């Protein structure tokens, strides 16, 4: 069931961290704790998205190199991945702006938990839509090379759990299907994306209901709503500093 890479050199893993820091001060990232699936509220899901990118003459390491270098370009429009200056490397933190229904933007981030030339794993912080990690990998099988994204997650809080049930899972599936299709297109392939979705724990962890305090969707909405006020108060803030 694990989505994390195994049998890898220790240099590929991020050092333990208790709180994340985003270089640009992106909201809902700095000060947040990284969260594993056991830290979430909702039912636990494992989802696997896979597509063929070409013949096995395409090295899996080449696929991962292209995926890392063009990660944000492969996402659906309206979503942004602010790659760290060091790229997708162990311990780096990237900020995200995710498109939400109604034209809203959810600001959050990810920790690069693991990265080498064969795969990389991203881990979510408090307030993200789900608590968990997603591993991106490539492999050769039966004369072909495949790209794969595998998620192990729980919705972060009760509100996100409701949202996932009302279309959030469909949106998540569309996001990664688009990403894999775009990646395959870089190699001239146009194969369908296979999806396997398994609910591995149907229980909701009510002890984690308080996670709603960090809900990045709510905080992003409040941040957007307060933008006019922040603009109006800037001259006074500058005058106080002078």
Protein backbone atom coordinates (compact mmCIF):
# COMPACT_ATOMS: atom_id res chain seq x y z
CA UNK A 1 0.00 0.00 0.00
CA UNK A 2 2.90 2.37 0.62
CA UNK A 3 3.50 5.03 -2.01
CA UNK A 4 6.94 5.92 -0.71
CA UNK A 5 10.05 4.73 -2.58
CA UNK A 6 12.09 2.00 -0.96
CA UNK A 7 15.65 0.64 -1.24
CA UNK A 8 17.02 4.11 -1.92
CA UNK A 9 20.15 5.89 -0.77
CA UNK A 10 19.72 7.95 2.38
CA UNK A 11 20.84 11.07 0.50
CA UNK A 12 17.52 11.06 -1.33
CA UNK A 13 15.49 11.73 1.82
CA UNK A 14 14.74 15.10 3.36
CA UNK A 15 16.07 15.73 6.83
CA UNK A 16 13.39 15.65 9.55
CA UNK A 17 11.64 19.02 9.91
CA UNK A 18 8.96 20.15 12.34
CA UNK A 19 7.80 23.27 10.47
CA UNK A 20 8.03 24.38 6.85
CA UNK A 21 9.41 27.65 5.51
CA UNK A 22 8.61 29.10 2.09
CA UNK A 23 11.28 31.39 0.68
CA UNK A 24 8.74 33.94 -0.62
CA UNK A 25 6.61 33.97 2.54
CA UNK A 26 3.73 32.31 0.66
CA UNK A 27 0.70 32.10 2.94
CA UNK A 28 -0.37 28.78 4.49
CA UNK A 29 3.15 27.32 4.20
CA UNK A 30 5.62 28.96 6.57
CA UNK A 31 5.16 27.64 10.09
CA UNK A 32 2.99 24.71 9.03
CA UNK A 33 3.84 21.13 9.97
CA UNK A 34 4.21 18.45 7.29
CA UNK A 35 1.35 15.94 7.48
CA UNK A 36 1.29 12.22 6.78
CA UNK A 37 -1.96 10.32 6.01
CA UNK A 38 -2.42 9.44 9.67
CA UNK A 39 -2.65 13.17 10.46
CA UNK A 40 -5.73 13.69 8.29
CA UNK A 41 -9.45 13.51 9.07
CA UNK A 42 -11.22 11.69 6.24
CA UNK A 43 -11.27 8.22 4.84
CA UNK A 44 -7.90 7.03 3.56
CA UNK A 45 -7.51 6.57 -0.19
CA UNK A 46 -4.76 5.20 -2.37
CA UNK A 47 -4.98 6.37 -5.96
CA UNK A 48 -2.69 5.29 -8.77
CA UNK A 49 -2.55 7.12 -12.10
CA UNK A 50 -0.48 5.52 -14.85
CA UNK A 51 0.16 6.03 -18.55
CA UNK A 52 2.50 4.70 -21.23
CA UNK A 53 5.03 7.26 -22.48
CA UNK A 54 6.68 5.12 -25.17
CA UNK A 55 8.92 2.16 -25.90
CA UNK A 56 11.38 0.94 -23.28
CA UNK A 57 14.14 2.67 -25.23
CA UNK A 58 13.01 5.73 -23.26
CA UNK A 59 14.88 5.44 -19.98
CA UNK A 60 12.73 5.90 -16.83
CA UNK A 61 15.40 8.27 -15.52
CA UNK A 62 14.88 10.45 -18.59
CA UNK A 63 11.15 10.60 -17.86
CA UNK A 64 11.81 11.68 -14.26
CA UNK A 65 14.31 14.32 -15.38
CA UNK A 66 11.76 15.83 -17.78
CA UNK A 67 9.01 15.59 -15.15
CA UNK A 68 11.08 17.48 -12.57
CA UNK A 69 12.23 20.17 -14.97
CA UNK A 70 8.76 20.87 -16.38
CA UNK A 71 6.61 19.94 -13.39
CA UNK A 72 4.57 23.16 -13.23
CA UNK A 73 4.14 23.34 -17.01
CA UNK A 74 2.33 19.98 -17.03
CA UNK A 75 -0.44 21.08 -14.66
CA UNK A 76 -3.91 22.23 -15.81
CA UNK A 77 -4.21 25.96 -16.45
CA UNK A 78 -5.02 28.08 -13.41
CA UNK A 79 -2.77 26.01 -11.13
CA UNK A 80 0.76 27.15 -10.27
CA UNK A 81 3.73 25.33 -8.75
CA UNK A 82 6.46 27.69 -7.56
CA UNK A 83 9.54 25.50 -7.87
CA UNK A 84 12.30 26.03 -5.30
CA UNK A 85 15.51 27.64 -6.57
CA UNK A 86 17.29 24.31 -6.01
CA UNK A 87 14.61 22.50 -7.99
CA UNK A 88 12.80 19.37 -6.82
CA UNK A 89 15.41 18.20 -4.32
CA UNK A 90 15.15 16.56 -0.87
CA UNK A 91 14.05 18.98 1.84
CA UNK A 92 13.01 21.78 -0.52
CA UNK A 93 9.64 23.49 -0.02
CA UNK A 94 7.48 24.63 -2.94
CA UNK A 95 4.47 26.94 -2.79
CA UNK A 96 1.28 26.17 -4.72
CA UNK A 97 -1.69 28.16 -5.98
CA UNK A 98 -4.54 25.82 -6.83
CA UNK A 99 -7.62 26.78 -8.85
CA UNK A 100 -10.87 26.22 -6.98
CA UNK A 101 -14.53 26.44 -8.06
CA UNK A 102 -15.91 29.98 -8.34
CA UNK A 103 -12.61 31.51 -9.38
CA UNK A 104 -11.12 31.13 -5.92
CA UNK A 105 -7.45 30.38 -5.36
CA UNK A 106 -6.14 28.07 -2.65
CA UNK A 107 -2.60 28.87 -1.54
CA UNK A 108 -0.62 26.07 0.07
CA UNK A 109 2.63 24.18 -0.50
CA UNK A 110 4.51 20.87 -0.40
CA UNK A 111 7.70 19.45 1.08
CA UNK A 112 9.96 17.40 -1.18
CA UNK A 113 10.19 14.36 1.08
CA UNK A 114 12.28 12.27 -1.31
CA UNK A 115 13.94 12.75 -4.68
CA UNK A 116 16.46 10.85 -6.78
CA UNK A 117 16.82 10.07 -10.50
CA UNK A 118 14.10 7.37 -10.38
CA UNK A 119 11.27 9.01 -8.44
CA UNK A 120 10.26 11.86 -6.15
CA UNK A 121 7.73 12.22 -3.35
CA UNK A 122 5.89 15.35 -2.19
CA UNK A 123 4.35 15.69 1.28
CA UNK A 124 1.55 18.11 2.19
CA UNK A 125 1.49 20.63 5.08
CA UNK A 126 -1.26 21.46 7.57
CA UNK A 127 -4.18 23.17 5.89
CA UNK A 128 -3.77 21.39 2.54
CA UNK A 129 -6.82 19.69 1.04
CA UNK A 130 -5.43 16.34 2.09
CA UNK A 131 -2.87 14.99 4.51
CA UNK A 132 -0.51 12.60 2.80
CA UNK A 133 2.07 12.20 0.09
CA UNK A 134 2.24 11.62 -3.63
CA UNK A 135 5.03 9.73 -5.37
CA UNK A 136 5.95 10.27 -9.02
CA UNK A 137 7.89 7.48 -10.72
CA UNK A 138 8.70 5.89 -14.07
CA UNK A 139 9.47 2.27 -14.95
CA UNK A 140 9.91 -0.12 -17.85
CA UNK A 141 7.54 -3.06 -18.22
CA UNK A 142 6.87 -5.51 -21.07
CA UNK A 143 8.71 -3.45 -23.66
CA UNK A 144 7.22 -0.09 -22.69
CA UNK A 145 8.04 2.75 -20.33
CA UNK A 146 5.35 4.07 -18.02
CA UNK A 147 4.93 7.18 -15.87
CA UNK A 148 3.00 6.91 -12.62
CA UNK A 149 1.65 9.14 -9.86
CA UNK A 150 0.47 7.43 -6.68
CA UNK A 151 -1.29 9.19 -3.82
CA UNK A 152 -1.94 8.04 -0.27
CA UNK A 153 -4.17 10.57 1.47
CA UNK A 154 -6.95 11.53 3.84
CA UNK A 155 -8.96 14.75 3.48
CA UNK A 156 -7.41 17.23 5.88
CA UNK A 157 -10.53 18.19 7.87
CA UNK A 158 -14.35 17.74 7.88
CA UNK A 159 -14.92 20.57 5.38
CA UNK A 160 -12.42 19.11 2.94
CA UNK A 161 -14.00 15.67 3.39
CA UNK A 162 -17.36 17.10 2.34
CA UNK A 163 -15.71 18.86 -0.58
CA UNK A 164 -13.97 15.70 -1.73
CA UNK A 165 -17.31 13.86 -1.71
CA UNK A 166 -18.98 16.65 -3.72
CA UNK A 167 -16.53 16.65 -6.60
CA UNK A 168 -13.11 17.04 -5.04
CA UNK A 169 -12.07 13.50 -5.92
CA UNK A 170 -13.16 14.05 -9.51
CA UNK A 171 -11.16 17.28 -9.67
CA UNK A 172 -8.10 15.56 -8.18
CA UNK A 173 -8.37 12.75 -10.74
CA UNK A 174 -8.67 15.26 -13.58
CA UNK A 175 -5.60 17.16 -12.33
CA UNK A 176 -3.26 14.17 -12.35
CA UNK A 177 -4.74 12.67 -15.51
CA UNK A 178 -4.03 15.96 -17.28
CA UNK A 179 -0.50 16.02 -15.85
CA UNK A 180 0.33 12.50 -17.02
CA UNK A 181 -1.21 13.12 -20.44
CA UNK A 182 0.89 16.28 -20.79
CA UNK A 183 4.03 14.41 -19.71
CA UNK A 184 3.40 11.59 -22.19
CA UNK A 185 2.91 14.22 -24.89
CA UNK A 186 6.48 15.38 -24.30
CA UNK A 187 7.56 11.97 -25.60
CA UNK A 188 5.07 11.87 -28.47
CA UNK A 189 2.64 9.49 -26.73
CA UNK A 190 -1.12 9.90 -26.36
CA UNK A 191 -2.18 6.85 -24.38
CA UNK A 192 -5.15 6.96 -21.94
CA UNK A 193 -4.41 7.36 -18.25
CA UNK A 194 -5.33 4.36 -16.12
CA UNK A 195 -6.77 5.09 -12.67
CA UNK A 196 -6.99 2.69 -9.76
CA UNK A 197 -8.69 4.06 -6.64
CA UNK A 198 -8.93 2.05 -3.42
CA UNK A 199 -10.41 3.12 -0.08
CA UNK A 200 -7.99 1.48 2.35
CA UNK A 201 -9.60 2.82 5.55
CA UNK A 202 -13.25 3.90 5.65
CA UNK A 203 -13.00 5.39 9.14
CA UNK A 204 -13.00 9.14 9.74
CA UNK A 205 -10.65 10.33 12.46
CA UNK A 206 -12.85 12.63 14.53
CA UNK A 207 -9.94 13.39 16.83
CA UNK A 208 -8.51 15.33 13.85
CA UNK A 209 -11.61 17.49 13.27
CA UNK A 210 -9.74 20.46 14.73
CA UNK A 211 -7.54 20.50 11.61
CA UNK A 212 -10.14 22.87 10.19
CA UNK A 213 -8.35 25.67 12.07
CA UNK A 214 -5.53 25.49 9.49
CA UNK A 215 -7.85 25.08 6.46
CA UNK A 216 -5.94 26.77 3.62
CA UNK A 217 -9.12 27.26 1.59
CA UNK A 218 -10.74 29.37 4.31
CA UNK A 219 -7.53 31.27 5.02
CA UNK A 220 -6.90 31.91 1.31
CA UNK A 221 -10.44 33.26 0.93
CA UNK A 222 -10.02 35.59 3.90
CA UNK A 223 -6.66 36.74 2.54
CA UNK A 224 -8.23 37.60 -0.83
CA UNK A 225 -11.18 39.36 0.79
CA UNK A 226 -8.88 41.51 2.93
CA UNK A 227 -6.68 42.59 0.00
CA UNK A 228 -8.39 46.02 -0.49
CA UNK A 229 -7.94 46.81 3.20
CA UNK A 230 -4.25 45.85 3.09
CA UNK A 231 -3.73 48.11 0.05
CA UNK A 232 -5.41 51.05 1.77
CA UNK A 233 -3.31 50.67 4.92
CA UNK A 234 0.09 50.39 3.17
CA UNK A 235 0.78 54.16 3.14
CA UNK A 236 0.17 54.33 6.87
CA UNK A 237 2.42 51.35 7.49
CA UNK A 238 5.21 52.97 5.49
CA UNK A 239 4.73 56.26 7.36
CA UNK A 240 4.98 54.48 10.72
CA UNK A 241 8.27 52.86 9.68
CA UNK A 242 9.68 56.23 8.55
